[in-house]
């Protein structure tokens, strides 16, 4: 899913930047880890479709994705700007996949009988 990929890449950027500047990656505190799933879900509501959010939250990796989003916010990323941009990016992915899937599922036109 595109959201997972975008969050994973941006979290890697956050960690690499922190390590380059300070020599270590910043870890989330226990409070942030506990609040991450609910806070992240609240941030994503209205940015992505409810059906997509439900799929994300049902995934076994949801707590990790939620912590990545909190990590970005705590590192100074304006999630109010970041999430709508991510939403537009992933909407394009959704549209492309839907178009290909719909075309592949459409019945092919029946072959015309050969003129003889």
PDB file of N, CA and C in Angstrom:
ATOM      1  N   UNK A   1       0.847  -1.171   0.000  1.00  0.00           N
ATOM      2  CA  UNK A   1       0.000   0.000   0.000  1.00  0.00           C
ATOM      3  C   UNK A   1       0.898   1.241   0.000  1.00  0.00           C
ATOM      4  N   UNK A   2       0.488   2.211  -0.752  1.00  0.00           N
ATOM      5  CA  UNK A   2       1.300   3.413  -0.946  1.00  0.00           C
ATOM      6  C   UNK A   2       1.571   4.157   0.361  1.00  0.00           C
ATOM      7  N   UNK A   3       0.589   4.202   1.275  1.00  0.00           N
ATOM      8  CA  UNK A   3       0.803   4.903   2.543  1.00  0.00           C
ATOM      9  C   UNK A   3       1.935   4.271   3.338  1.00  0.00           C
ATOM     10  N   UNK A   4       1.967   2.958   3.372  1.00  0.00           N
ATOM     11  CA  UNK A   4       3.023   2.264   4.105  1.00  0.00           C
ATOM     12  C   UNK A   4       4.394   2.627   3.529  1.00  0.00           C
ATOM     13  N   UNK A   5       4.476   2.620   2.211  1.00  0.00           N
ATOM     14  CA  UNK A   5       5.746   2.932   1.552  1.00  0.00           C
ATOM     15  C   UNK A   5       6.179   4.364   1.839  1.00  0.00           C
ATOM     16  N   UNK A   6       5.259   5.314   1.716  1.00  0.00           N
ATOM     17  CA  UNK A   6       5.595   6.721   1.943  1.00  0.00           C
ATOM     18  C   UNK A   6       6.027   6.943   3.391  1.00  0.00           C
ATOM     19  N   UNK A   7       5.297   6.378   4.346  1.00  0.00           N
ATOM     20  CA  UNK A   7       5.675   6.547   5.751  1.00  0.00           C
ATOM     21  C   UNK A   7       7.013   5.883   6.054  1.00  0.00           C
ATOM     22  N   UNK A   8       7.258   4.721   5.477  1.00  0.00           N
ATOM     23  CA  UNK A   8       8.518   4.014   5.703  1.00  0.00           C
ATOM     24  C   UNK A   8       9.700   4.818   5.174  1.00  0.00           C
ATOM     25  N   UNK A   9       9.554   5.338   3.969  1.00  0.00           N
ATOM     26  CA  UNK A   9      10.634   6.142   3.383  1.00  0.00           C
ATOM     27  C   UNK A   9      10.890   7.401   4.208  1.00  0.00           C
ATOM     28  N   UNK A  10       9.820   8.094   4.587  1.00  0.00           N
ATOM     29  CA  UNK A  10       9.998   9.325   5.350  1.00  0.00           C
ATOM     30  C   UNK A  10      10.550   9.061   6.740  1.00  0.00           C
ATOM     31  N   UNK A  11      10.191   7.944   7.347  1.00  0.00           N
ATOM     32  CA  UNK A  11      10.768   7.597   8.643  1.00  0.00           C
ATOM     33  C   UNK A  11      12.259   7.307   8.497  1.00  0.00           C
ATOM     34  N   UNK A  12      12.639   6.632   7.416  1.00  0.00           N
ATOM     35  CA  UNK A  12      14.066   6.373   7.178  1.00  0.00           C
ATOM     36  C   UNK A  12      14.829   7.684   6.992  1.00  0.00           C
ATOM     37  N   UNK A  13      14.228   8.633   6.304  1.00  0.00           N
ATOM     38  CA  UNK A  13      14.849   9.954   6.128  1.00  0.00           C
ATOM     39  C   UNK A  13      15.021  10.625   7.493  1.00  0.00           C
ATOM     40  N   UNK A  14      13.987  10.567   8.322  1.00  0.00           N
ATOM     41  CA  UNK A  14      14.062  11.162   9.667  1.00  0.00           C
ATOM     42  C   UNK A  14      15.197  10.542  10.460  1.00  0.00           C
ATOM     43  N   UNK A  15      15.257   9.210  10.491  1.00  0.00           N
ATOM     44  CA  UNK A  15      16.273   8.522  11.281  1.00  0.00           C
ATOM     45  C   UNK A  15      17.683   8.806  10.762  1.00  0.00           C
ATOM     46  N   UNK A  16      17.859   8.780   9.446  1.00  0.00           N
ATOM     47  CA  UNK A  16      19.180   9.040   8.864  1.00  0.00           C
ATOM     48  C   UNK A  16      19.634  10.466   9.146  1.00  0.00           C
ATOM     49  N   UNK A  17      18.719  11.413   9.064  1.00  0.00           N
ATOM     50  CA  UNK A  17      19.053  12.813   9.319  1.00  0.00           C
ATOM     51  C   UNK A  17      19.451  13.007  10.778  1.00  0.00           C
ATOM     52  N   UNK A  18      18.668  12.423  11.689  1.00  0.00           N
ATOM     53  CA  UNK A  18      19.009  12.542  13.103  1.00  0.00           C
ATOM     54  C   UNK A  18      20.367  11.906  13.397  1.00  0.00           C
ATOM     55  N   UNK A  19      20.608  10.747  12.798  1.00  0.00           N
ATOM     56  CA  UNK A  19      21.876  10.051  13.045  1.00  0.00           C
ATOM     57  C   UNK A  19      23.055  10.848  12.490  1.00  0.00           C
ATOM     58  N   UNK A  20      22.870  11.446  11.311  1.00  0.00           N
ATOM     59  CA  UNK A  20      23.944  12.236  10.707  1.00  0.00           C
ATOM     60  C   UNK A  20      24.255  13.473  11.546  1.00  0.00           C
ATOM     61  N   UNK A  21      23.223  14.112  12.081  1.00  0.00           N
ATOM     62  CA  UNK A  21      23.425  15.361  12.813  1.00  0.00           C
ATOM     63  C   UNK A  21      23.850  15.123  14.257  1.00  0.00           C
ATOM     64  N   UNK A  22      23.206  14.180  14.936  1.00  0.00           N
ATOM     65  CA  UNK A  22      23.462  13.986  16.366  1.00  0.00           C
ATOM     66  C   UNK A  22      24.237  12.716  16.686  1.00  0.00           C
ATOM     67  N   UNK A  23      24.384  11.832  15.697  1.00  0.00           N
ATOM     68  CA  UNK A  23      25.077  10.573  15.945  1.00  0.00           C
ATOM     69  C   UNK A  23      24.168   9.469  16.441  1.00  0.00           C
ATOM     70  N   UNK A  24      22.875   9.783  16.629  1.00  0.00           N
ATOM     71  CA  UNK A  24      21.927   8.760  17.067  1.00  0.00           C
ATOM     72  C   UNK A  24      20.518   9.107  16.595  1.00  0.00           C
ATOM     73  N   UNK A  25      19.685   8.079  16.553  1.00  0.00           N
ATOM     74  CA  UNK A  25      18.283   8.275  16.204  1.00  0.00           C
ATOM     75  C   UNK A  25      17.498   8.580  17.470  1.00  0.00           C
ATOM     76  N   UNK A  26      16.561   9.488  17.361  1.00  0.00           N
ATOM     77  CA  UNK A  26      15.708   9.808  18.505  1.00  0.00           C
ATOM     78  C   UNK A  26      14.624   8.738  18.618  1.00  0.00           C
ATOM     79  N   UNK A  27      14.447   8.225  19.812  1.00  0.00           N
ATOM     80  CA  UNK A  27      13.406   7.227  20.075  1.00  0.00           C
ATOM     81  C   UNK A  27      12.198   7.911  20.693  1.00  0.00           C
ATOM     82  N   UNK A  28      11.024   7.332  20.473  1.00  0.00           N
ATOM     83  CA  UNK A  28       9.811   7.858  21.095  1.00  0.00           C
ATOM     84  C   UNK A  28       9.765   7.448  22.557  1.00  0.00           C
ATOM     85  N   UNK A  29       9.237   8.336  23.381  1.00  0.00           N
ATOM     86  CA  UNK A  29       9.027   7.993  24.785  1.00  0.00           C
ATOM     87  C   UNK A  29       7.841   7.045  24.918  1.00  0.00           C
ATOM     88  N   UNK A  30       7.702   6.450  26.105  1.00  0.00           N
ATOM     89  CA  UNK A  30       6.613   5.494  26.336  1.00  0.00           C
ATOM     90  C   UNK A  30       5.248   6.114  26.118  1.00  0.00           C
ATOM     91  N   UNK A  31       5.061   7.357  26.554  1.00  0.00           N
ATOM     92  CA  UNK A  31       3.771   8.023  26.368  1.00  0.00           C
ATOM     93  C   UNK A  31       3.438   8.160  24.887  1.00  0.00           C
ATOM     94  N   UNK A  32       4.421   8.537  24.092  1.00  0.00           N
ATOM     95  CA  UNK A  32       4.201   8.692  22.651  1.00  0.00           C
ATOM     96  C   UNK A  32       3.879   7.351  22.004  1.00  0.00           C
ATOM     97  N   UNK A  33       4.543   6.300  22.432  1.00  0.00           N
ATOM     98  CA  UNK A  33       4.282   4.975  21.880  1.00  0.00           C
ATOM     99  C   UNK A  33       2.851   4.557  22.184  1.00  0.00           C
ATOM    100  N   UNK A  34       2.383   4.809  23.410  1.00  0.00           N
ATOM    101  CA  UNK A  34       1.017   4.432  23.800  1.00  0.00           C
ATOM    102  C   UNK A  34      -0.040   5.238  23.054  1.00  0.00           C
ATOM    103  N   UNK A  35       0.215   6.507  22.841  1.00  0.00           N
ATOM    104  CA  UNK A  35      -0.804   7.352  22.205  1.00  0.00           C
ATOM    105  C   UNK A  35      -0.747   7.314  20.683  1.00  0.00           C
ATOM    106  N   UNK A  36       0.293   6.745  20.109  1.00  0.00           N
ATOM    107  CA  UNK A  36       0.503   6.796  18.659  1.00  0.00           C
ATOM    108  C   UNK A  36      -0.654   6.250  17.831  1.00  0.00           C
ATOM    109  N   UNK A  37      -1.196   5.061  18.123  1.00  0.00           N
ATOM    110  CA  UNK A  37      -2.260   4.541  17.256  1.00  0.00           C
ATOM    111  C   UNK A  37      -3.495   5.449  17.186  1.00  0.00           C
ATOM    112  N   UNK A  38      -3.956   5.936  18.327  1.00  0.00           N
ATOM    113  CA  UNK A  38      -5.135   6.807  18.331  1.00  0.00           C
ATOM    114  C   UNK A  38      -4.860   8.166  17.705  1.00  0.00           C
ATOM    115  N   UNK A  39      -3.715   8.762  18.067  1.00  0.00           N
ATOM    116  CA  UNK A  39      -3.357  10.074  17.519  1.00  0.00           C
ATOM    117  C   UNK A  39      -3.182   9.991  16.011  1.00  0.00           C
ATOM    118  N   UNK A  40      -2.501   8.963  15.549  1.00  0.00           N
ATOM    119  CA  UNK A  40      -2.259   8.820  14.115  1.00  0.00           C
ATOM    120  C   UNK A  40      -3.560   8.608  13.351  1.00  0.00           C
ATOM    121  N   UNK A  41      -4.446   7.799  13.899  1.00  0.00           N
ATOM    122  CA  UNK A  41      -5.747   7.585  13.250  1.00  0.00           C
ATOM    123  C   UNK A  41      -6.500   8.907  13.140  1.00  0.00           C
ATOM    124  N   UNK A  42      -6.463   9.713  14.212  1.00  0.00           N
ATOM    125  CA  UNK A  42      -7.132  11.020  14.182  1.00  0.00           C
ATOM    126  C   UNK A  42      -6.534  11.925  13.104  1.00  0.00           C
ATOM    127  N   UNK A  43      -5.213  11.891  12.946  1.00  0.00           N
ATOM    128  CA  UNK A  43      -4.550  12.729  11.944  1.00  0.00           C
ATOM    129  C   UNK A  43      -4.903  12.294  10.528  1.00  0.00           C
ATOM    130  N   UNK A  44      -5.089  10.990  10.335  1.00  0.00           N
ATOM    131  CA  UNK A  44      -5.352  10.460   8.993  1.00  0.00           C
ATOM    132  C   UNK A  44      -6.814  10.566   8.571  1.00  0.00           C
ATOM    133  N   UNK A  45      -7.729  10.673   9.541  1.00  0.00           N
ATOM    134  CA  UNK A  45      -9.153  10.806   9.198  1.00  0.00           C
ATOM    135  C   UNK A  45      -9.356  12.073   8.380  1.00  0.00           C
ATOM    136  N   UNK A  46     -10.055  11.950   7.296  1.00  0.00           N
ATOM    137  CA  UNK A  46     -10.310  13.088   6.425  1.00  0.00           C
ATOM    138  C   UNK A  46      -9.216  13.318   5.400  1.00  0.00           C
ATOM    139  N   UNK A  47      -8.065  12.692   5.584  1.00  0.00           N
ATOM    140  CA  UNK A  47      -6.973  12.813   4.617  1.00  0.00           C
ATOM    141  C   UNK A  47      -7.007  11.632   3.665  1.00  0.00           C
ATOM    142  N   UNK A  48      -7.328  10.469   4.226  1.00  0.00           N
ATOM    143  CA  UNK A  48      -7.453   9.271   3.395  1.00  0.00           C
ATOM    144  C   UNK A  48      -8.866   8.720   3.583  1.00  0.00           C
ATOM    145  N   UNK A  49      -9.289   7.908   2.663  1.00  0.00           N
ATOM    146  CA  UNK A  49     -10.618   7.320   2.757  1.00  0.00           C
ATOM    147  C   UNK A  49     -10.746   6.432   3.983  1.00  0.00           C
ATOM    148  N   UNK A  50     -11.943   6.380   4.524  1.00  0.00           N
ATOM    149  CA  UNK A  50     -12.199   5.550   5.686  1.00  0.00           C
ATOM    150  C   UNK A  50     -11.904   4.086   5.443  1.00  0.00           C
ATOM    151  N   UNK A  51     -12.163   3.630   4.221  1.00  0.00           N
ATOM    152  CA  UNK A  51     -11.885   2.227   3.906  1.00  0.00           C
ATOM    153  C   UNK A  51     -10.384   1.947   3.930  1.00  0.00           C
ATOM    154  N   UNK A  52      -9.593   2.899   3.445  1.00  0.00           N
ATOM    155  CA  UNK A  52      -8.138   2.726   3.442  1.00  0.00           C
ATOM    156  C   UNK A  52      -7.603   2.810   4.871  1.00  0.00           C
ATOM    157  N   UNK A  53      -8.121   3.746   5.661  1.00  0.00           N
ATOM    158  CA  UNK A  53      -7.702   3.853   7.059  1.00  0.00           C
ATOM    159  C   UNK A  53      -8.024   2.561   7.811  1.00  0.00           C
ATOM    160  N   UNK A  54      -9.192   1.997   7.544  1.00  0.00           N
ATOM    161  CA  UNK A  54      -9.564   0.743   8.211  1.00  0.00           C
ATOM    162  C   UNK A  54      -8.587  -0.378   7.860  1.00  0.00           C
ATOM    163  N   UNK A  55      -8.201  -0.462   6.598  1.00  0.00           N
ATOM    164  CA  UNK A  55      -7.238  -1.484   6.188  1.00  0.00           C
ATOM    165  C   UNK A  55      -5.897  -1.260   6.893  1.00  0.00           C
ATOM    166  N   UNK A  56      -5.460  -0.010   6.957  1.00  0.00           N
ATOM    167  CA  UNK A  56      -4.199   0.292   7.653  1.00  0.00           C
ATOM    168  C   UNK A  56      -4.268  -0.132   9.113  1.00  0.00           C
ATOM    169  N   UNK A  57      -5.369   0.229   9.778  1.00  0.00           N
ATOM    170  CA  UNK A  57      -5.495  -0.038  11.204  1.00  0.00           C
ATOM    171  C   UNK A  57      -5.665  -1.521  11.505  1.00  0.00           C
ATOM    172  N   UNK A  58      -6.155  -2.287  10.548  1.00  0.00           N
ATOM    173  CA  UNK A  58      -6.317  -3.732  10.744  1.00  0.00           C
ATOM    174  C   UNK A  58      -4.997  -4.475  10.558  1.00  0.00           C
ATOM    175  N   UNK A  59      -4.043  -3.848   9.898  1.00  0.00           N
ATOM    176  CA  UNK A  59      -2.764  -4.497   9.629  1.00  0.00           C
ATOM    177  C   UNK A  59      -1.952  -4.703  10.895  1.00  0.00           C
ATOM    178  N   UNK A  60      -1.212  -5.779  10.916  1.00  0.00           N
ATOM    179  CA  UNK A  60      -0.367  -6.080  12.075  1.00  0.00           C
ATOM    180  C   UNK A  60       0.691  -5.002  12.293  1.00  0.00           C
ATOM    181  N   UNK A  61       1.025  -4.264  11.226  1.00  0.00           N
ATOM    182  CA  UNK A  61       2.060  -3.235  11.342  1.00  0.00           C
ATOM    183  C   UNK A  61       1.507  -1.855  11.695  1.00  0.00           C
ATOM    184  N   UNK A  62       0.200  -1.743  11.999  1.00  0.00           N
ATOM    185  CA  UNK A  62      -0.390  -0.449  12.325  1.00  0.00           C
ATOM    186  C   UNK A  62       0.321   0.245  13.487  1.00  0.00           C
ATOM    187  N   UNK A  63       0.606  -0.429  14.597  1.00  0.00           N
ATOM    188  CA  UNK A  63       1.297   0.287  15.681  1.00  0.00           C
ATOM    189  C   UNK A  63       2.636   0.883  15.234  1.00  0.00           C
ATOM    190  N   UNK A  64       3.360   0.164  14.399  1.00  0.00           N
ATOM    191  CA  UNK A  64       4.648   0.672  13.900  1.00  0.00           C
ATOM    192  C   UNK A  64       4.434   1.860  12.969  1.00  0.00           C
ATOM    193  N   UNK A  65       3.447   1.778  12.073  1.00  0.00           N
ATOM    194  CA  UNK A  65       3.160   2.905  11.182  1.00  0.00           C
ATOM    195  C   UNK A  65       2.742   4.128  11.990  1.00  0.00           C
ATOM    196  N   UNK A  66       1.918   3.911  13.002  1.00  0.00           N
ATOM    197  CA  UNK A  66       1.470   5.020  13.847  1.00  0.00           C
ATOM    198  C   UNK A  66       2.652   5.666  14.564  1.00  0.00           C
ATOM    199  N   UNK A  67       3.581   4.840  15.064  1.00  0.00           N
ATOM    200  CA  UNK A  67       4.772   5.393  15.727  1.00  0.00           C
ATOM    201  C   UNK A  67       5.630   6.177  14.742  1.00  0.00           C
ATOM    202  N   UNK A  68       5.703   5.720  13.500  1.00  0.00           N
ATOM    203  CA  UNK A  68       6.482   6.462  12.494  1.00  0.00           C
ATOM    204  C   UNK A  68       5.888   7.846  12.273  1.00  0.00           C
ATOM    205  N   UNK A  69       4.571   7.921  12.208  1.00  0.00           N
ATOM    206  CA  UNK A  69       3.928   9.214  12.010  1.00  0.00           C
ATOM    207  C   UNK A  69       4.186  10.131  13.203  1.00  0.00           C
ATOM    208  N   UNK A  70       4.083   9.598  14.402  1.00  0.00           N
ATOM    209  CA  UNK A  70       4.382  10.395  15.599  1.00  0.00           C
ATOM    210  C   UNK A  70       5.845  10.825  15.587  1.00  0.00           C
ATOM    211  N   UNK A  71       6.736   9.934  15.188  1.00  0.00           N
ATOM    212  CA  UNK A  71       8.156  10.269  15.109  1.00  0.00           C
ATOM    213  C   UNK A  71       8.418  11.421  14.161  1.00  0.00           C
ATOM    214  N   UNK A  72       7.727  11.414  13.028  1.00  0.00           N
ATOM    215  CA  UNK A  72       7.881  12.524  12.077  1.00  0.00           C
ATOM    216  C   UNK A  72       7.401  13.830  12.693  1.00  0.00           C
ATOM    217  N   UNK A  73       6.258  13.777  13.368  1.00  0.00           N
ATOM    218  CA  UNK A  73       5.703  14.976  13.981  1.00  0.00           C
ATOM    219  C   UNK A  73       6.642  15.499  15.059  1.00  0.00           C
ATOM    220  N   UNK A  74       7.168  14.602  15.894  1.00  0.00           N
ATOM    221  CA  UNK A  74       8.063  15.028  16.969  1.00  0.00           C
ATOM    222  C   UNK A  74       9.399  15.531  16.433  1.00  0.00           C
ATOM    223  N   UNK A  75       9.772  15.089  15.233  1.00  0.00           N
ATOM    224  CA  UNK A  75      11.032  15.541  14.626  1.00  0.00           C
ATOM    225  C   UNK A  75      10.874  16.890  13.933  1.00  0.00           C
ATOM    226  N   UNK A  76       9.650  17.428  13.931  1.00  0.00           N
ATOM    227  CA  UNK A  76       9.439  18.755  13.368  1.00  0.00           C
ATOM    228  C   UNK A  76       8.696  18.791  12.055  1.00  0.00           C
ATOM    229  N   UNK A  77       8.245  17.642  11.558  1.00  0.00           N
ATOM    230  CA  UNK A  77       7.478  17.619  10.313  1.00  0.00           C
ATOM    231  C   UNK A  77       6.076  18.135  10.607  1.00  0.00           C
ATOM    232  N   UNK A  78       5.616  19.084   9.828  1.00  0.00           N
ATOM    233  CA  UNK A  78       4.262  19.623   9.977  1.00  0.00           C
ATOM    234  C   UNK A  78       3.299  18.616   9.341  1.00  0.00           C
ATOM    235  N   UNK A  79       2.716  17.734  10.165  1.00  0.00           N
ATOM    236  CA  UNK A  79       1.849  16.695   9.612  1.00  0.00           C
ATOM    237  C   UNK A  79       0.589  17.278   8.987  1.00  0.00           C
ATOM    238  N   UNK A  80       0.216  18.484   9.381  1.00  0.00           N
ATOM    239  CA  UNK A  80      -0.924  19.156   8.753  1.00  0.00           C
ATOM    240  C   UNK A  80      -0.662  19.490   7.295  1.00  0.00           C
ATOM    241  N   UNK A  81       0.587  19.630   6.929  1.00  0.00           N
ATOM    242  CA  UNK A  81       0.984  19.866   5.541  1.00  0.00           C
ATOM    243  C   UNK A  81       1.372  18.544   4.876  1.00  0.00           C
ATOM    244  N   UNK A  82       2.105  17.711   5.607  1.00  0.00           N
ATOM    245  CA  UNK A  82       2.614  16.454   5.063  1.00  0.00           C
ATOM    246  C   UNK A  82       1.497  15.491   4.670  1.00  0.00           C
ATOM    247  N   UNK A  83       0.517  15.295   5.546  1.00  0.00           N
ATOM    248  CA  UNK A  83      -0.513  14.287   5.275  1.00  0.00           C
ATOM    249  C   UNK A  83      -1.380  14.604   4.060  1.00  0.00           C
ATOM    250  N   UNK A  84      -1.835  15.846   3.861  1.00  0.00           N
ATOM    251  CA  UNK A  84      -2.592  16.105   2.629  1.00  0.00           C
ATOM    252  C   UNK A  84      -1.768  15.867   1.366  1.00  0.00           C
ATOM    253  N   UNK A  85      -0.489  16.194   1.413  1.00  0.00           N
ATOM    254  CA  UNK A  85       0.377  15.921   0.254  1.00  0.00           C
ATOM    255  C   UNK A  85       0.492  14.420   0.026  1.00  0.00           C
ATOM    256  N   UNK A  86       0.680  13.676   1.105  1.00  0.00           N
ATOM    257  CA  UNK A  86       0.749  12.226   0.994  1.00  0.00           C
ATOM    258  C   UNK A  86      -0.586  11.681   0.479  1.00  0.00           C
ATOM    259  N   UNK A  87      -1.674  12.268   0.916  1.00  0.00           N
ATOM    260  CA  UNK A  87      -2.991  11.843   0.451  1.00  0.00           C
ATOM    261  C   UNK A  87      -3.156  12.026  -1.044  1.00  0.00           C
ATOM    262  N   UNK A  88      -2.688  13.152  -1.567  1.00  0.00           N
ATOM    263  CA  UNK A  88      -2.788  13.394  -3.016  1.00  0.00           C
ATOM    264  C   UNK A  88      -1.914  12.408  -3.788  1.00  0.00           C
ATOM    265  N   UNK A  89      -0.731  12.143  -3.274  1.00  0.00           N
ATOM    266  CA  UNK A  89       0.172  11.196  -3.918  1.00  0.00           C
ATOM    267  C   UNK A  89      -0.456   9.808  -3.975  1.00  0.00           C
ATOM    268  N   UNK A  90      -0.967   9.361  -2.862  1.00  0.00           N
ATOM    269  CA  UNK A  90      -1.521   8.012  -2.822  1.00  0.00           C
ATOM    270  C   UNK A  90      -2.862   7.927  -3.535  1.00  0.00           C
ATOM    271  N   UNK A  91      -3.587   9.036  -3.662  1.00  0.00           N
ATOM    272  CA  UNK A  91      -4.816   9.028  -4.460  1.00  0.00           C
ATOM    273  C   UNK A  91      -4.480   8.735  -5.919  1.00  0.00           C
ATOM    274  N   UNK A  92      -3.367   9.257  -6.395  1.00  0.00           N
ATOM    275  CA  UNK A  92      -2.926   8.954  -7.759  1.00  0.00           C
ATOM    276  C   UNK A  92      -2.607   7.483  -7.935  1.00  0.00           C
ATOM    277  N   UNK A  93      -1.986   6.894  -6.919  1.00  0.00           N
ATOM    278  CA  UNK A  93      -1.702   5.447  -6.963  1.00  0.00           C
ATOM    279  C   UNK A  93      -3.016   4.674  -7.004  1.00  0.00           C
ATOM    280  N   UNK A  94      -3.950   5.054  -6.157  1.00  0.00           N
ATOM    281  CA  UNK A  94      -5.263   4.389  -6.114  1.00  0.00           C
ATOM    282  C   UNK A  94      -5.958   4.463  -7.472  1.00  0.00           C
ATOM    283  N   UNK A  95      -5.949   5.634  -8.083  1.00  0.00           N
ATOM    284  CA  UNK A  95      -6.606   5.805  -9.383  1.00  0.00           C
ATOM    285  C   UNK A  95      -5.950   4.949 -10.455  1.00  0.00           C
ATOM    286  N   UNK A  96      -4.639   4.878 -10.456  1.00  0.00           N
ATOM    287  CA  UNK A  96      -3.924   4.068 -11.457  1.00  0.00           C
ATOM    288  C   UNK A  96      -4.244   2.586 -11.279  1.00  0.00           C
ATOM    289  N   UNK A  97      -4.219   2.111 -10.037  1.00  0.00           N
ATOM    290  CA  UNK A  97      -4.514   0.697  -9.778  1.00  0.00           C
ATOM    291  C   UNK A  97      -5.965   0.389 -10.135  1.00  0.00           C
ATOM    292  N   UNK A  98      -6.884   1.278  -9.788  1.00  0.00           N
ATOM    293  CA  UNK A  98      -8.292   1.055 -10.098  1.00  0.00           C
ATOM    294  C   UNK A  98      -8.517   0.999 -11.607  1.00  0.00           C
ATOM    295  N   UNK A  99      -7.845   1.866 -12.350  1.00  0.00           N
ATOM    296  CA  UNK A  99      -8.021   1.882 -13.804  1.00  0.00           C
ATOM    297  C   UNK A  99      -7.528   0.585 -14.429  1.00  0.00           C
ATOM    298  N   UNK A 100      -6.359   0.116 -14.008  1.00  0.00           N
ATOM    299  CA  UNK A 100      -5.808  -1.121 -14.566  1.00  0.00           C
ATOM    300  C   UNK A 100      -6.665  -2.315 -14.157  1.00  0.00           C
ATOM    301  N   UNK A 101      -7.090  -2.338 -12.899  1.00  0.00           N
ATOM    302  CA  UNK A 101      -7.897  -3.451 -12.401  1.00  0.00           C
ATOM    303  C   UNK A 101      -9.243  -3.503 -13.109  1.00  0.00           C
ATOM    304  N   UNK A 102      -9.856  -2.345 -13.309  1.00  0.00           N
ATOM    305  CA  UNK A 102     -11.138  -2.290 -14.003  1.00  0.00           C
ATOM    306  C   UNK A 102     -10.988  -2.744 -15.440  1.00  0.00           C
ATOM    307  N   UNK A 103      -9.943  -2.292 -16.110  1.00  0.00           N
ATOM    308  CA  UNK A 103      -9.706  -2.693 -17.514  1.00  0.00           C
ATOM    309  C   UNK A 103      -9.460  -4.184 -17.613  1.00  0.00           C
ATOM    310  N   UNK A 104      -8.720  -4.742 -16.670  1.00  0.00           N
ATOM    311  CA  UNK A 104      -8.416  -6.171 -16.715  1.00  0.00           C
ATOM    312  C   UNK A 104      -9.653  -7.016 -16.433  1.00  0.00           C
ATOM    313  N   UNK A 105     -10.582  -6.486 -15.625  1.00  0.00           N
ATOM    314  CA  UNK A 105     -11.765  -7.235 -15.277  1.00  0.00           C
ATOM    315  C   UNK A 105     -12.880  -7.112 -16.317  1.00  0.00           C
ATOM    316  N   UNK A 106     -12.757  -6.134 -17.209  1.00  0.00           N
ATOM    317  CA  UNK A 106     -13.797  -5.935 -18.221  1.00  0.00           C
ATOM    318  C   UNK A 106     -13.796  -7.091 -19.210  1.00  0.00           C
ATOM    319  N   UNK A 107     -14.988  -7.540 -19.596  1.00  0.00           N
ATOM    320  CA  UNK A 107     -15.037  -8.626 -20.566  1.00  0.00           C
ATOM    321  C   UNK A 107     -14.490  -8.159 -21.920  1.00  0.00           C
ATOM    322  N   UNK A 108     -13.763  -9.034 -22.549  1.00  0.00           N
ATOM    323  CA  UNK A 108     -13.213  -8.678 -23.848  1.00  0.00           C
ATOM    324  C   UNK A 108     -14.322  -8.822 -24.887  1.00  0.00           C
ATOM    325  N   UNK A 109     -14.277  -7.985 -25.916  1.00  0.00           N
ATOM    326  CA  UNK A 109     -15.312  -8.060 -26.943  1.00  0.00           C
ATOM    327  C   UNK A 109     -15.248  -9.426 -27.619  1.00  0.00           C
ATOM    328  N   UNK A 110     -16.421  -9.949 -27.944  1.00  0.00           N
ATOM    329  CA  UNK A 110     -16.464 -11.254 -28.613  1.00  0.00           C
ATOM    330  C   UNK A 110     -15.832 -11.139 -29.991  1.00  0.00           C
ATOM    331  N   UNK A 111     -15.110 -12.152 -30.339  1.00  0.00           N
ATOM    332  CA  UNK A 111     -14.467 -12.151 -31.648  1.00  0.00           C
ATOM    333  C   UNK A 111     -15.528 -12.243 -32.738  1.00  0.00           C
ATOM    334  N   UNK A 112     -15.367 -11.433 -33.763  1.00  0.00           N
ATOM    335  CA  UNK A 112     -16.316 -11.454 -34.883  1.00  0.00           C
ATOM    336  C   UNK A 112     -16.074 -12.715 -35.694  1.00  0.00           C
ATOM    337  N   UNK A 113     -17.148 -13.301 -36.212  1.00  0.00           N
ATOM    338  CA  UNK A 113     -16.961 -14.512 -37.027  1.00  0.00           C
ATOM    339  C   UNK A 113     -16.160 -14.165 -38.286  1.00  0.00           C
ATOM    340  N   UNK A 114     -15.312 -15.096 -38.648  1.00  0.00           N
ATOM    341  CA  UNK A 114     -14.456 -14.902 -39.824  1.00  0.00           C
ATOM    342  C   UNK A 114     -15.306 -14.910 -41.082  1.00  0.00           C
ATOM    343  N   UNK A 115     -14.989 -14.004 -41.965  1.00  0.00           N
ATOM    344  CA  UNK A 115     -15.710 -13.945 -43.235  1.00  0.00           C
ATOM    345  C   UNK A 115     -15.256 -15.125 -44.095  1.00  0.00           C
ATOM    346  N   UNK A 116     -16.176 -15.751 -44.693  1.00  0.00           N
ATOM    347  CA  UNK A 116     -15.730 -16.929 -45.366  1.00  0.00           C
ATOM    348  C   UNK A 116     -16.176 -17.085 -46.686  1.00  0.00           C
TER     349      UNK A 116
END
